[in-house]
Protein backbone atom coordinates (compact mmCIF):
# COMPACT_ATOMS: atom_id res chain seq x y z
CA UNK A 1 -4.26 -56.64 39.35
CA UNK A 2 -1.13 -55.37 37.61
CA UNK A 3 2.33 -56.44 38.70
CA UNK A 4 5.08 -53.85 38.82
CA UNK A 5 7.69 -54.13 36.08
CA UNK A 6 11.25 -54.59 37.32
CA UNK A 7 13.83 -52.17 35.90
CA UNK A 8 15.95 -53.68 33.19
CA UNK A 9 19.58 -54.43 34.11
CA UNK A 10 20.73 -53.30 30.66
CA UNK A 11 22.31 -49.82 30.90
CA UNK A 12 20.94 -47.15 28.63
CA UNK A 13 23.13 -46.00 25.75
CA UNK A 14 23.56 -42.55 27.31
CA UNK A 15 24.83 -44.05 30.55
CA UNK A 16 27.28 -46.29 28.74
CA UNK A 17 28.57 -43.32 26.78
CA UNK A 18 29.07 -41.27 29.96
CA UNK A 19 30.92 -44.14 31.63
CA UNK A 20 33.18 -44.52 28.61
CA UNK A 21 33.93 -40.76 28.55
CA UNK A 22 34.72 -40.69 32.29
CA UNK A 23 37.06 -43.65 31.82
CA UNK A 24 38.83 -41.86 28.96
CA UNK A 25 39.11 -38.64 30.94
CA UNK A 26 40.59 -40.58 33.85
CA UNK A 27 43.28 -42.00 31.58
CA UNK A 28 44.00 -38.57 30.11
CA UNK A 29 44.41 -36.93 33.50
CA UNK A 30 46.58 -39.82 34.69
CA UNK A 31 48.92 -39.30 31.71
CA UNK A 32 48.96 -35.51 32.21
CA UNK A 33 50.44 -35.95 35.67
CA UNK A 34 53.88 -37.24 34.85
CA UNK A 35 54.35 -36.40 31.18
CA UNK A 36 55.23 -32.74 30.83
CA UNK A 37 55.02 -30.89 27.47
CA UNK A 38 58.83 -30.74 27.40
CA UNK A 39 58.95 -34.56 27.80
CA UNK A 40 56.47 -35.04 24.95
CA UNK A 41 58.48 -32.77 22.66
CA UNK A 42 61.72 -34.50 23.63
CA UNK A 43 60.12 -37.89 23.03
CA UNK A 44 58.79 -36.91 19.62
CA UNK A 45 62.09 -35.39 18.46
CA UNK A 46 64.16 -38.28 19.75
CA UNK A 47 61.96 -40.92 18.12
CA UNK A 48 61.96 -39.03 14.86
CA UNK A 49 65.74 -38.80 15.02
CA UNK A 50 66.56 -42.39 16.05
CA UNK A 51 63.47 -44.39 15.02
CA UNK A 52 64.09 -46.56 18.08
CA UNK A 53 62.15 -46.40 21.37
CA UNK A 54 64.76 -48.52 23.15
CA UNK A 55 67.50 -46.05 22.27
CA UNK A 56 65.29 -43.24 23.46
CA UNK A 57 64.70 -45.06 26.76
CA UNK A 58 68.40 -45.65 27.28
CA UNK A 59 69.75 -42.31 26.05
CA UNK A 60 67.26 -39.56 26.81
CA UNK A 61 66.89 -37.95 30.19
CA UNK A 62 63.28 -36.94 30.80
CA UNK A 63 61.94 -34.97 33.74
CA UNK A 64 60.84 -38.27 35.40
CA UNK A 65 62.30 -41.74 35.24
CA UNK A 66 60.13 -43.56 32.72
CA UNK A 67 60.53 -47.23 31.97
CA UNK A 68 60.47 -48.57 28.41
CA UNK A 69 56.84 -49.62 28.63
CA UNK A 70 55.72 -46.14 29.78
CA UNK A 71 57.65 -44.55 26.91
CA UNK A 72 56.08 -46.96 24.41
CA UNK A 73 52.60 -46.31 25.81
CA UNK A 74 53.09 -42.54 25.64
CA UNK A 75 54.41 -42.71 22.08
CA UNK A 76 51.41 -44.81 20.93
CA UNK A 77 49.02 -42.52 22.85
CA UNK A 78 50.49 -39.49 21.08
CA UNK A 79 50.08 -41.22 17.74
CA UNK A 80 46.71 -42.87 18.11
CA UNK A 81 44.71 -41.33 20.98
CA UNK A 82 43.07 -38.14 19.63
CA UNK A 83 42.34 -36.69 23.08
CA UNK A 84 45.87 -37.12 24.46
CA UNK A 85 47.41 -36.02 21.17
CA UNK A 86 45.32 -32.84 21.04
CA UNK A 87 46.09 -31.91 24.64
CA UNK A 88 49.78 -32.64 24.25
CA UNK A 89 50.00 -30.56 21.08
CA UNK A 90 48.26 -27.64 22.74
CA UNK A 91 50.64 -27.82 25.69
CA UNK A 92 53.74 -28.11 23.46
CA UNK A 93 52.65 -25.04 21.45
CA UNK A 94 52.70 -23.02 24.65
CA UNK A 95 56.37 -23.78 25.37
CA UNK A 96 58.74 -20.84 25.18
CA UNK A 97 60.94 -20.80 22.04
CA UNK A 98 64.09 -20.91 24.24
CA UNK A 99 62.73 -24.00 26.00
CA UNK A 100 62.05 -25.63 22.64
CA UNK A 101 65.61 -24.88 21.49
CA UNK A 102 67.01 -26.36 24.72
CA UNK A 103 64.91 -29.50 24.27
CA UNK A 104 66.00 -29.89 20.66
CA UNK A 105 69.63 -29.67 21.70
CA UNK A 106 69.16 -32.70 23.93
CA UNK A 107 68.05 -35.00 21.08
CA UNK A 108 70.16 -38.07 20.39
CA UNK A 109 72.23 -38.48 17.23
CA UNK A 110 70.83 -40.70 14.49
CA UNK A 111 72.69 -43.84 13.44
CA UNK A 112 74.07 -42.05 10.35
CA UNK A 113 75.34 -39.16 12.44
CA UNK A 114 77.02 -41.57 14.89
CA UNK A 115 78.74 -43.31 11.97
CA UNK A 116 80.00 -39.98 10.67
CA UNK A 117 81.29 -39.03 14.12
CA UNK A 118 83.08 -42.39 14.44
CA UNK A 119 85.04 -41.61 11.24
CA UNK A 120 86.45 -38.41 12.73
CA UNK A 121 89.83 -38.98 14.34
CA UNK A 122 90.57 -37.57 17.74
């Protein structure tokens, strides 16, 4: 008499891969909701100009009210998450040139520029 073999509780590699992909896509779609391409471009330009995420949080007006942690998470996602970075770059490339110019005009001054402006008398 043969006894039936119980299914193993260990997930198959294909299943684990699918679960990981669905988890990543959930994170990507969550980020896509609030962060607009204009916000991403503004974030990138502001950080490149100031080199300070705290200054960006305090001085830049995004389309939504983001706290410092959200800004930090988005910055690191743009730098290190290939899926989010790729999607954000594609979306930013589709912005109209006038919209890009308007976004670039909102960028904060760098520390050196602020020091120069402070030297100018009123």
